[in-house]
PDB file of all heavy atoms in Angstrom:
ATOM      1  N   CYS A   1      50.245  16.324  43.002  1.00  0.00           N
ATOM      2  CA  CYS A   1      49.932  15.555  41.808  1.00  0.00           C
ATOM      3  C   CYS A   1      50.500  14.159  41.761  1.00  0.00           C
ATOM      4  O   CYS A   1      50.232  13.423  40.715  1.00  0.00           O
ATOM      5  CB  CYS A   1      50.286  16.342  40.543  1.00  0.00           C
ATOM      6  SG  CYS A   1      49.698  18.027  40.430  1.00  0.00           S
ATOM      7  N   TRP A   2      51.296  13.798  42.635  1.00  0.00           N
ATOM      8  CA  TRP A   2      52.068  12.439  42.490  1.00  0.00           C
ATOM      9  C   TRP A   2      50.947  11.271  42.189  1.00  0.00           C
ATOM     10  O   TRP A   2      51.292  10.412  41.502  1.00  0.00           O
ATOM     11  CB  TRP A   2      52.828  12.199  43.639  1.00  0.00           C
ATOM     12  CG  TRP A   2      52.218  11.934  44.928  1.00  0.00           C
ATOM     13  CD1 TRP A   2      51.681  12.783  45.900  1.00  0.00           C
ATOM     14  CD2 TRP A   2      51.743  10.538  45.447  1.00  0.00           C
ATOM     15  NE1 TRP A   2      51.164  12.215  46.909  1.00  0.00           N
ATOM     16  CE2 TRP A   2      51.057  10.875  46.676  1.00  0.00           C
ATOM     17  CE3 TRP A   2      51.775   9.312  44.909  1.00  0.00           C
ATOM     18  CZ2 TRP A   2      50.503   9.756  47.389  1.00  0.00           C
ATOM     19  CZ3 TRP A   2      51.226   8.236  45.603  1.00  0.00           C
ATOM     20  CH2 TRP A   2      50.527   8.474  46.920  1.00  0.00           C
ATOM     21  N   ALA A   3      49.853  11.216  43.024  1.00  0.00           N
ATOM     22  CA  ALA A   3      48.915  10.156  42.933  1.00  0.00           C
ATOM     23  C   ALA A   3      48.222  10.176  41.567  1.00  0.00           C
ATOM     24  O   ALA A   3      47.974   8.939  40.989  1.00  0.00           O
ATOM     25  CB  ALA A   3      47.949  10.210  44.103  1.00  0.00           C
ATOM     26  N   LEU A   4      47.959  11.287  41.042  1.00  0.00           N
ATOM     27  CA  LEU A   4      47.449  11.314  39.675  1.00  0.00           C
ATOM     28  C   LEU A   4      48.338  10.797  38.608  1.00  0.00           C
ATOM     29  O   LEU A   4      47.944  10.088  37.682  1.00  0.00           O
ATOM     30  CB  LEU A   4      47.098  12.802  39.328  1.00  0.00           C
ATOM     31  CG  LEU A   4      45.965  13.314  40.116  1.00  0.00           C
ATOM     32  CD1 LEU A   4      45.796  14.880  39.711  1.00  0.00           C
ATOM     33  CD2 LEU A   4      44.596  12.678  39.933  1.00  0.00           C
ATOM     34  N   MET A   5      49.652  11.034  38.742  1.00  0.00           N
ATOM     35  CA  MET A   5      50.559  10.414  37.878  1.00  0.00           C
ATOM     36  C   MET A   5      50.603   8.880  37.859  1.00  0.00           C
ATOM     37  O   MET A   5      50.931   8.208  36.836  1.00  0.00           O
ATOM     38  CB  MET A   5      51.928  10.879  38.053  1.00  0.00           C
ATOM     39  CG  MET A   5      52.136  12.394  38.047  1.00  0.00           C
ATOM     40  SD  MET A   5      51.597  13.020  36.407  1.00  0.00           S
ATOM     41  CE  MET A   5      51.387  14.755  36.799  1.00  0.00           C
ATOM     42  N   GLY A   6      50.223   8.338  38.977  1.00  0.00           N
ATOM     43  CA  GLY A   6      50.193   6.894  39.058  1.00  0.00           C
ATOM     44  C   GLY A   6      49.085   6.206  38.167  1.00  0.00           C
ATOM     45  O   GLY A   6      49.161   5.059  37.902  1.00  0.00           O
ATOM     46  N   LEU A   7      48.113   7.136  37.786  1.00  0.00           N
ATOM     47  CA  LEU A   7      47.109   6.537  36.879  1.00  0.00           C
ATOM     48  C   LEU A   7      47.688   6.130  35.576  1.00  0.00           C
ATOM     49  O   LEU A   7      47.050   5.220  34.886  1.00  0.00           O
ATOM     50  CB  LEU A   7      46.028   7.692  36.480  1.00  0.00           C
ATOM     51  CG  LEU A   7      45.326   8.137  37.725  1.00  0.00           C
ATOM     52  CD1 LEU A   7      44.331   9.320  37.268  1.00  0.00           C
ATOM     53  CD2 LEU A   7      44.492   7.024  38.406  1.00  0.00           C
ATOM     54  N   LEU A   8      48.902   6.613  35.096  1.00  0.00           N
ATOM     55  CA  LEU A   8      49.559   6.184  33.976  1.00  0.00           C
ATOM     56  C   LEU A   8      49.874   4.679  33.882  1.00  0.00           C
ATOM     57  O   LEU A   8      49.867   3.970  32.911  1.00  0.00           O
ATOM     58  CB  LEU A   8      50.720   6.935  33.601  1.00  0.00           C
ATOM     59  CG  LEU A   8      50.524   8.438  33.361  1.00  0.00           C
ATOM     60  CD1 LEU A   8      51.788   9.151  33.278  1.00  0.00           C
ATOM     61  CD2 LEU A   8      49.859   8.535  32.030  1.00  0.00           C
ATOM     62  N   PHE A   9      50.173   4.090  35.132  1.00  0.00           N
ATOM     63  CA  PHE A   9      50.240   2.688  35.298  1.00  0.00           C
ATOM     64  C   PHE A   9      49.041   1.903  35.097  1.00  0.00           C
ATOM     65  O   PHE A   9      49.103   0.648  34.814  1.00  0.00           O
ATOM     66  CB  PHE A   9      50.886   2.399  36.651  1.00  0.00           C
ATOM     67  CG  PHE A   9      52.314   2.762  36.794  1.00  0.00           C
ATOM     68  CD1 PHE A   9      52.517   3.948  37.524  1.00  0.00           C
ATOM     69  CD2 PHE A   9      53.355   2.055  36.344  1.00  0.00           C
ATOM     70  CE1 PHE A   9      53.943   4.305  37.671  1.00  0.00           C
ATOM     71  CE2 PHE A   9      54.611   2.302  36.452  1.00  0.00           C
ATOM     72  CZ  PHE A   9      54.920   3.605  37.190  1.00  0.00           C
ATOM     73  N   VAL A  10      47.842   2.502  35.046  1.00  0.00           N
ATOM     74  CA  VAL A  10      46.519   1.787  34.859  1.00  0.00           C
ATOM     75  C   VAL A  10      46.197   1.914  33.391  1.00  0.00           C
ATOM     76  O   VAL A  10      45.838   0.925  32.721  1.00  0.00           O
ATOM     77  CB  VAL A  10      45.465   2.456  35.770  1.00  0.00           C
ATOM     78  CG1 VAL A  10      44.127   1.748  35.383  1.00  0.00           C
ATOM     79  CG2 VAL A  10      45.849   2.312  37.133  1.00  0.00           C
ATOM     80  N   VAL A  11      46.441   3.074  32.748  1.00  0.00           N
ATOM     81  CA  VAL A  11      45.947   3.283  31.374  1.00  0.00           C
ATOM     82  C   VAL A  11      47.001   3.017  30.353  1.00  0.00           C
ATOM     83  O   VAL A  11      46.890   2.968  29.146  1.00  0.00           O
ATOM     84  CB  VAL A  11      45.398   4.654  31.239  1.00  0.00           C
ATOM     85  CG1 VAL A  11      44.171   5.027  32.176  1.00  0.00           C
ATOM     86  CG2 VAL A  11      46.512   5.827  31.425  1.00  0.00           C
ATOM     87  N   GLY A  12      48.323   2.846  30.769  1.00  0.00           N
ATOM     88  CA  GLY A  12      49.460   2.681  29.931  1.00  0.00           C
ATOM     89  C   GLY A  12      50.449   3.861  30.044  1.00  0.00           C
ATOM     90  O   GLY A  12      50.005   5.097  29.779  1.00  0.00           O
ATOM     91  N   ILE A  13      51.585   3.608  30.540  1.00  0.00           N
ATOM     92  CA  ILE A  13      52.646   4.612  30.709  1.00  0.00           C
ATOM     93  C   ILE A  13      52.737   5.674  29.555  1.00  0.00           C
ATOM     94  O   ILE A  13      52.912   6.898  29.789  1.00  0.00           O
ATOM     95  CB  ILE A  13      53.939   4.112  31.108  1.00  0.00           C
ATOM     96  CG1 ILE A  13      53.754   3.394  32.518  1.00  0.00           C
ATOM     97  CG2 ILE A  13      55.057   5.063  31.189  1.00  0.00           C
ATOM     98  CD1 ILE A  13      54.888   2.420  33.108  1.00  0.00           C
ATOM     99  N   MET A  14      52.805   5.023  28.345  1.00  0.00           N
ATOM    100  CA  MET A  14      52.945   5.856  27.075  1.00  0.00           C
ATOM    101  C   MET A  14      51.687   6.192  26.380  1.00  0.00           C
ATOM    102  O   MET A  14      51.750   6.300  25.190  1.00  0.00           O
ATOM    103  CB  MET A  14      54.030   5.220  26.266  1.00  0.00           C
ATOM    104  CG  MET A  14      55.544   5.412  26.748  1.00  0.00           C
ATOM    105  SD  MET A  14      55.927   7.166  27.163  1.00  0.00           S
ATOM    106  CE  MET A  14      55.915   7.799  25.596  1.00  0.00           C
ATOM    107  N   ASN A  15      50.619   6.082  27.056  1.00  0.00           N
ATOM    108  CA  ASN A  15      49.384   6.531  26.410  1.00  0.00           C
ATOM    109  C   ASN A  15      49.302   7.902  26.179  1.00  0.00           C
ATOM    110  O   ASN A  15      48.918   8.695  27.236  1.00  0.00           O
ATOM    111  CB  ASN A  15      48.153   5.988  27.348  1.00  0.00           C
ATOM    112  CG  ASN A  15      46.790   6.131  26.597  1.00  0.00           C
ATOM    113  OD1 ASN A  15      46.492   7.128  25.972  1.00  0.00           O
ATOM    114  ND2 ASN A  15      45.918   5.089  26.898  1.00  0.00           N
ATOM    115  N   MET A  16      49.438   8.450  25.027  1.00  0.00           N
ATOM    116  CA  MET A  16      49.641   9.831  24.744  1.00  0.00           C
ATOM    117  C   MET A  16      48.322  10.614  25.097  1.00  0.00           C
ATOM    118  O   MET A  16      48.334  11.781  25.599  1.00  0.00           O
ATOM    119  CB  MET A  16      50.116  10.145  23.436  1.00  0.00           C
ATOM    120  CG  MET A  16      51.505   9.593  23.071  1.00  0.00           C
ATOM    121  SD  MET A  16      52.768  10.528  24.136  1.00  0.00           S
ATOM    122  CE  MET A  16      52.712  12.178  23.221  1.00  0.00           C
ATOM    123  N   LEU A  17      47.082  10.057  24.780  1.00  0.00           N
ATOM    124  CA  LEU A  17      45.982  10.736  25.014  1.00  0.00           C
ATOM    125  C   LEU A  17      45.838  11.058  26.502  1.00  0.00           C
ATOM    126  O   LEU A  17      45.445  12.110  26.999  1.00  0.00           O
ATOM    127  CB  LEU A  17      44.811   9.874  24.565  1.00  0.00           C
ATOM    128  CG  LEU A  17      43.387  10.420  24.929  1.00  0.00           C
ATOM    129  CD1 LEU A  17      43.170  11.829  24.348  1.00  0.00           C
ATOM    130  CD2 LEU A  17      42.310   9.498  24.462  1.00  0.00           C
ATOM    131  N   TRP A  18      46.045   9.985  27.351  1.00  0.00           N
ATOM    132  CA  TRP A  18      45.984  10.174  28.869  1.00  0.00           C
ATOM    133  C   TRP A  18      47.032  11.131  29.459  1.00  0.00           C
ATOM    134  O   TRP A  18      46.788  11.916  30.274  1.00  0.00           O
ATOM    135  CB  TRP A  18      45.997   8.853  29.507  1.00  0.00           C
ATOM    136  CG  TRP A  18      44.656   8.285  29.693  1.00  0.00           C
ATOM    137  CD1 TRP A  18      44.050   7.361  28.788  1.00  0.00           C
ATOM    138  CD2 TRP A  18      43.672   8.561  30.753  1.00  0.00           C
ATOM    139  NE1 TRP A  18      42.754   7.067  29.274  1.00  0.00           N
ATOM    140  CE2 TRP A  18      42.532   7.828  30.505  1.00  0.00           C
ATOM    141  CE3 TRP A  18      43.687   9.257  31.926  1.00  0.00           C
ATOM    142  CZ2 TRP A  18      41.352   7.856  31.266  1.00  0.00           C
ATOM    143  CZ3 TRP A  18      42.597   9.334  32.751  1.00  0.00           C
ATOM    144  CH2 TRP A  18      41.475   8.598  32.389  1.00  0.00           C
ATOM    145  N   ILE A  19      48.171  11.091  28.768  1.00  0.00           N
ATOM    146  CA  ILE A  19      49.153  12.015  29.199  1.00  0.00           C
ATOM    147  C   ILE A  19      48.772  13.435  29.044  1.00  0.00           C
ATOM    148  O   ILE A  19      48.926  14.221  29.771  1.00  0.00           O
ATOM    149  CB  ILE A  19      50.540  11.818  28.494  1.00  0.00           C
ATOM    150  CG1 ILE A  19      51.190  10.470  28.823  1.00  0.00           C
ATOM    151  CG2 ILE A  19      51.578  12.979  28.758  1.00  0.00           C
ATOM    152  CD1 ILE A  19      52.400  10.022  28.098  1.00  0.00           C
ATOM    153  N   MET A  20      48.074  13.631  27.820  1.00  0.00           N
ATOM    154  CA  MET A  20      47.548  15.036  27.448  1.00  0.00           C
ATOM    155  C   MET A  20      46.540  15.432  28.487  1.00  0.00           C
ATOM    156  O   MET A  20      46.276  16.498  28.892  1.00  0.00           O
ATOM    157  CB  MET A  20      47.239  15.153  26.022  1.00  0.00           C
ATOM    158  CG  MET A  20      48.338  15.151  25.010  1.00  0.00           C
ATOM    159  SD  MET A  20      47.955  15.431  23.385  1.00  0.00           S
ATOM    160  CE  MET A  20      47.405  13.710  22.914  1.00  0.00           C
ATOM    161  N   LEU A  21      45.575  14.443  28.622  1.00  0.00           N
ATOM    162  CA  LEU A  21      44.400  14.719  29.488  1.00  0.00           C
ATOM    163  C   LEU A  21      44.929  15.081  30.973  1.00  0.00           C
ATOM    164  O   LEU A  21      44.345  16.063  31.562  1.00  0.00           O
ATOM    165  CB  LEU A  21      43.446  13.492  29.568  1.00  0.00           C
ATOM    166  CG  LEU A  21      42.659  13.294  28.224  1.00  0.00           C
ATOM    167  CD1 LEU A  21      41.946  11.949  28.488  1.00  0.00           C
ATOM    168  CD2 LEU A  21      41.754  14.428  28.032  1.00  0.00           C
ATOM    169  N   LEU A  22      45.841  14.274  31.545  1.00  0.00           N
ATOM    170  CA  LEU A  22      46.349  14.624  32.771  1.00  0.00           C
ATOM    171  C   LEU A  22      47.086  15.996  32.798  1.00  0.00           C
ATOM    172  O   LEU A  22      46.964  16.716  33.889  1.00  0.00           O
ATOM    173  CB  LEU A  22      47.235  13.484  33.235  1.00  0.00           C
ATOM    174  CG  LEU A  22      46.697  12.198  33.742  1.00  0.00           C
ATOM    175  CD1 LEU A  22      47.769  11.161  33.916  1.00  0.00           C
ATOM    176  CD2 LEU A  22      45.831  12.414  35.001  1.00  0.00           C
ATOM    177  N   ALA A  23      47.836  16.323  31.723  1.00  0.00           N
ATOM    178  CA  ALA A  23      48.513  17.552  31.674  1.00  0.00           C
ATOM    179  C   ALA A  23      47.514  18.735  31.820  1.00  0.00           C
ATOM    180  O   ALA A  23      47.693  19.809  32.556  1.00  0.00           O
ATOM    181  CB  ALA A  23      49.461  17.611  30.487  1.00  0.00           C
ATOM    182  N   VAL A  24      46.338  18.551  30.937  1.00  0.00           N
ATOM    183  CA  VAL A  24      45.312  19.748  30.976  1.00  0.00           C
ATOM    184  C   VAL A  24      44.613  19.636  32.338  1.00  0.00           C
ATOM    185  O   VAL A  24      44.319  20.869  32.847  1.00  0.00           O
ATOM    186  CB  VAL A  24      44.389  19.361  29.828  1.00  0.00           C
ATOM    187  CG1 VAL A  24      43.175  20.218  29.936  1.00  0.00           C
ATOM    188  CG2 VAL A  24      44.910  19.580  28.530  1.00  0.00           C
ATOM    189  N   PHE A  25      44.427  18.553  32.961  1.00  0.00           N
ATOM    190  CA  PHE A  25      43.742  18.580  34.280  1.00  0.00           C
ATOM    191  C   PHE A  25      44.591  19.349  35.350  1.00  0.00           C
ATOM    192  O   PHE A  25      44.118  20.147  36.147  1.00  0.00           O
ATOM    193  CB  PHE A  25      43.447  17.148  34.631  1.00  0.00           C
ATOM    194  CG  PHE A  25      42.797  17.115  36.067  1.00  0.00           C
ATOM    195  CD1 PHE A  25      41.534  17.334  36.158  1.00  0.00           C
ATOM    196  CD2 PHE A  25      43.553  16.874  37.043  1.00  0.00           C
ATOM    197  CE1 PHE A  25      40.934  17.182  37.552  1.00  0.00           C
ATOM    198  CE2 PHE A  25      43.034  16.741  38.513  1.00  0.00           C
ATOM    199  CZ  PHE A  25      41.689  17.018  38.611  1.00  0.00           C
ATOM    200  N   VAL A  26      45.896  18.935  35.311  1.00  0.00           N
ATOM    201  CA  VAL A  26      46.709  19.612  36.382  1.00  0.00           C
ATOM    202  C   VAL A  26      46.726  21.106  36.128  1.00  0.00           C
ATOM    203  O   VAL A  26      46.753  21.919  37.027  1.00  0.00           O
ATOM    204  CB  VAL A  26      48.098  19.095  36.211  1.00  0.00           C
ATOM    205  CG1 VAL A  26      49.153  19.789  36.954  1.00  0.00           C
ATOM    206  CG2 VAL A  26      48.129  17.533  36.747  1.00  0.00           C
ATOM    207  N   LEU A  27      46.849  21.550  34.869  1.00  0.00           N
ATOM    208  CA  LEU A  27      46.788  22.990  34.501  1.00  0.00           C
ATOM    209  C   LEU A  27      45.543  23.608  35.029  1.00  0.00           C
ATOM    210  O   LEU A  27      45.660  24.707  35.646  1.00  0.00           O
ATOM    211  CB  LEU A  27      47.010  23.128  32.999  1.00  0.00           C
ATOM    212  CG  LEU A  27      47.032  24.628  32.594  1.00  0.00           C
ATOM    213  CD1 LEU A  27      48.396  25.320  33.207  1.00  0.00           C
ATOM    214  CD2 LEU A  27      47.108  24.763  31.022  1.00  0.00           C
ATOM    215  N   ILE A  28      44.421  22.960  34.850  1.00  0.00           N
ATOM    216  CA  ILE A  28      43.191  23.620  35.278  1.00  0.00           C
ATOM    217  C   ILE A  28      43.026  23.572  36.720  1.00  0.00           C
ATOM    218  O   ILE A  28      42.685  24.589  37.220  1.00  0.00           O
ATOM    219  CB  ILE A  28      41.919  22.794  34.601  1.00  0.00           C
ATOM    220  CG1 ILE A  28      41.957  22.872  33.166  1.00  0.00           C
ATOM    221  CG2 ILE A  28      40.657  23.147  35.238  1.00  0.00           C
ATOM    222  CD1 ILE A  28      40.878  22.098  32.360  1.00  0.00           C
ATOM    223  N   GLU A  29      43.551  22.486  37.403  1.00  0.00           N
ATOM    224  CA  GLU A  29      43.409  22.318  38.831  1.00  0.00           C
ATOM    225  C   GLU A  29      44.256  23.408  39.527  1.00  0.00           C
ATOM    226  O   GLU A  29      43.831  23.848  40.605  1.00  0.00           O
ATOM    227  CB  GLU A  29      43.884  20.920  39.245  1.00  0.00           C
ATOM    228  CG  GLU A  29      43.612  20.750  40.759  1.00  0.00           C
ATOM    229  CD  GLU A  29      43.984  19.420  41.277  1.00  0.00           C
ATOM    230  OE1 GLU A  29      45.115  18.934  40.808  1.00  0.00           O
ATOM    231  OE2 GLU A  29      43.268  18.674  41.914  1.00  0.00           O
ATOM    232  N   THR A  30      45.345  23.592  39.033  1.00  0.00           N
ATOM    233  CA  THR A  30      46.269  24.560  39.683  1.00  0.00           C
ATOM    234  C   THR A  30      46.255  26.011  39.292  1.00  0.00           C
ATOM    235  O   THR A  30      46.560  26.849  40.052  1.00  0.00           O
ATOM    236  CB  THR A  30      47.805  24.171  39.475  1.00  0.00           C
ATOM    237  OG1 THR A  30      48.047  24.065  38.158  1.00  0.00           O
ATOM    238  CG2 THR A  30      47.983  22.717  40.185  1.00  0.00           C
ATOM    239  N   ALA A  31      45.803  26.252  38.182  1.00  0.00           N
ATOM    240  CA  ALA A  31      45.842  27.679  37.512  1.00  0.00           C
ATOM    241  C   ALA A  31      44.609  28.201  37.232  1.00  0.00           C
ATOM    242  O   ALA A  31      44.397  29.544  37.207  1.00  0.00           O
ATOM    243  CB  ALA A  31      46.819  27.628  36.332  1.00  0.00           C
ATOM    244  N   ALA A  32      43.474  27.389  37.178  1.00  0.00           N
ATOM    245  CA  ALA A  32      42.235  28.012  36.596  1.00  0.00           C
ATOM    246  C   ALA A  32      41.114  27.886  37.676  1.00  0.00           C
ATOM    247  O   ALA A  32      40.124  28.584  37.483  1.00  0.00           O
ATOM    248  CB  ALA A  32      41.823  27.251  35.328  1.00  0.00           C
ATOM    249  N   VAL A  33      41.326  27.163  38.808  1.00  0.00           N
ATOM    250  CA  VAL A  33      40.233  27.075  39.782  1.00  0.00           C
ATOM    251  C   VAL A  33      40.891  27.228  41.139  1.00  0.00           C
ATOM    252  O   VAL A  33      42.053  27.367  41.270  1.00  0.00           O
ATOM    253  CB  VAL A  33      39.544  25.640  39.666  1.00  0.00           C
ATOM    254  CG1 VAL A  33      38.868  25.323  38.364  1.00  0.00           C
ATOM    255  CG2 VAL A  33      40.548  24.583  40.143  1.00  0.00           C
ATOM    256  N   ARG A  34      40.069  27.630  42.063  1.00  0.00           N
ATOM    257  CA  ARG A  34      40.364  27.840  43.393  1.00  0.00           C
ATOM    258  C   ARG A  34      39.751  26.874  44.459  1.00  0.00           C
ATOM    259  O   ARG A  34      38.531  26.571  44.201  1.00  0.00           O
ATOM    260  CB  ARG A  34      40.237  29.290  43.796  1.00  0.00           C
ATOM    261  CG  ARG A  34      41.182  30.199  43.150  1.00  0.00           C
ATOM    262  CD  ARG A  34      42.578  29.917  43.590  1.00  0.00           C
ATOM    263  NE  ARG A  34      43.480  31.015  42.917  1.00  0.00           N
ATOM    264  CZ  ARG A  34      44.080  30.756  41.809  1.00  0.00           C
ATOM    265  NH1 ARG A  34      43.858  29.545  41.151  1.00  0.00           N
ATOM    266  NH2 ARG A  34      44.827  31.617  41.149  1.00  0.00           N
ATOM    267  N   GLY A  35      40.375  26.378  45.446  1.00  0.00           N
ATOM    268  CA  GLY A  35      39.639  25.525  46.399  1.00  0.00           C
ATOM    269  C   GLY A  35      39.795  24.039  46.015  1.00  0.00           C
ATOM    270  O   GLY A  35      40.289  23.657  44.899  1.00  0.00           O
ATOM    271  N   PRO A  36      39.328  23.257  46.897  1.00  0.00           N
ATOM    272  CA  PRO A  36      39.621  21.793  46.597  1.00  0.00           C
ATOM    273  C   PRO A  36      38.526  21.125  46.045  1.00  0.00           C
ATOM    274  O   PRO A  36      38.470  19.803  45.985  1.00  0.00           O
ATOM    275  CB  PRO A  36      39.685  21.297  48.151  1.00  0.00           C
ATOM    276  CG  PRO A  36      38.781  22.170  48.948  1.00  0.00           C
ATOM    277  CD  PRO A  36      38.853  23.553  48.274  1.00  0.00           C
ATOM    278  N   TRP A  37      37.424  21.835  45.629  1.00  0.00           N
ATOM    279  CA  TRP A  37      36.243  21.074  45.106  1.00  0.00           C
ATOM    280  C   TRP A  37      36.455  20.204  43.835  1.00  0.00           C
ATOM    281  O   TRP A  37      35.957  19.152  43.714  1.00  0.00           O
ATOM    282  CB  TRP A  37      35.144  22.116  44.637  1.00  0.00           C
ATOM    283  CG  TRP A  37      35.463  22.978  43.512  1.00  0.00           C
ATOM    284  CD1 TRP A  37      36.044  24.232  43.617  1.00  0.00           C
ATOM    285  CD2 TRP A  37      35.173  22.788  42.162  1.00  0.00           C
ATOM    286  NE1 TRP A  37      36.288  24.682  42.319  1.00  0.00           N
ATOM    287  CE2 TRP A  37      35.755  23.927  41.444  1.00  0.00           C
ATOM    288  CE3 TRP A  37      34.685  21.762  41.558  1.00  0.00           C
ATOM    289  CZ2 TRP A  37      35.575  23.965  40.174  1.00  0.00           C
ATOM    290  CZ3 TRP A  37      34.479  21.789  40.048  1.00  0.00           C
ATOM    291  CH2 TRP A  37      35.104  22.883  39.435  1.00  0.00           C
ATOM    292  N   LEU A  38      37.406  20.686  42.917  1.00  0.00           N
ATOM    293  CA  LEU A  38      37.696  19.863  41.867  1.00  0.00           C
ATOM    294  C   LEU A  38      38.426  18.555  42.199  1.00  0.00           C
ATOM    295  O   LEU A  38      38.256  17.511  41.598  1.00  0.00           O
ATOM    296  CB  LEU A  38      38.504  20.790  40.647  1.00  0.00           C
ATOM    297  CG  LEU A  38      38.924  19.937  39.470  1.00  0.00           C
ATOM    298  CD1 LEU A  38      37.670  19.491  38.722  1.00  0.00           C
ATOM    299  CD2 LEU A  38      39.766  20.994  38.453  1.00  0.00           C
ATOM    300  N   ALA A  39      39.404  18.786  43.071  1.00  0.00           N
ATOM    301  CA  ALA A  39      40.174  17.619  43.611  1.00  0.00           C
ATOM    302  C   ALA A  39      39.292  16.508  44.271  1.00  0.00           C
ATOM    303  O   ALA A  39      39.326  15.360  43.984  1.00  0.00           O
ATOM    304  CB  ALA A  39      41.221  18.003  44.694  1.00  0.00           C
ATOM    305  N   ARG A  40      38.362  16.927  44.942  1.00  0.00           N
ATOM    306  CA  ARG A  40      37.408  16.105  45.615  1.00  0.00           C
ATOM    307  C   ARG A  40      36.411  15.414  44.700  1.00  0.00           C
ATOM    308  O   ARG A  40      36.156  14.224  44.806  1.00  0.00           O
ATOM    309  CB  ARG A  40      36.573  16.862  46.657  1.00  0.00           C
ATOM    310  CG  ARG A  40      37.566  17.297  47.916  1.00  0.00           C
ATOM    311  CD  ARG A  40      36.819  18.144  48.907  1.00  0.00           C
ATOM    312  NE  ARG A  40      37.757  18.542  49.980  1.00  0.00           N
ATOM    313  CZ  ARG A  40      37.474  19.334  50.903  1.00  0.00           C
ATOM    314  NH1 ARG A  40      36.348  19.959  50.825  1.00  0.00           N
ATOM    315  NH2 ARG A  40      38.505  19.717  51.800  1.00  0.00           N
ATOM    316  N   ALA A  41      35.881  16.177  43.616  1.00  0.00           N
ATOM    317  CA  ALA A  41      35.070  15.727  42.612  1.00  0.00           C
ATOM    318  C   ALA A  41      35.863  14.529  41.740  1.00  0.00           C
ATOM    319  O   ALA A  41      35.273  13.452  41.627  1.00  0.00           O
ATOM    320  CB  ALA A  41      34.518  16.717  41.657  1.00  0.00           C
ATOM    321  N   THR A  42      37.098  14.828  41.489  1.00  0.00           N
ATOM    322  CA  THR A  42      37.993  13.835  40.923  1.00  0.00           C
ATOM    323  C   THR A  42      38.185  12.667  41.818  1.00  0.00           C
ATOM    324  O   THR A  42      38.322  11.516  41.353  1.00  0.00           O
ATOM    325  CB  THR A  42      39.347  14.490  40.569  1.00  0.00           C
ATOM    326  OG1 THR A  42      39.064  15.732  39.718  1.00  0.00           O
ATOM    327  CG2 THR A  42      40.223  13.537  39.638  1.00  0.00           C
TER     328      THR A  42
END
């Protein structure tokens, strides 16, 4: 996930909406899906 965290430097480090969106995405990517398809689509 390190590269995804770098997106905060683009949208604003303390942009709470994007922090929440990234947190939800990481949870879905690691716990709710299997395989690399979501990572590649992203």
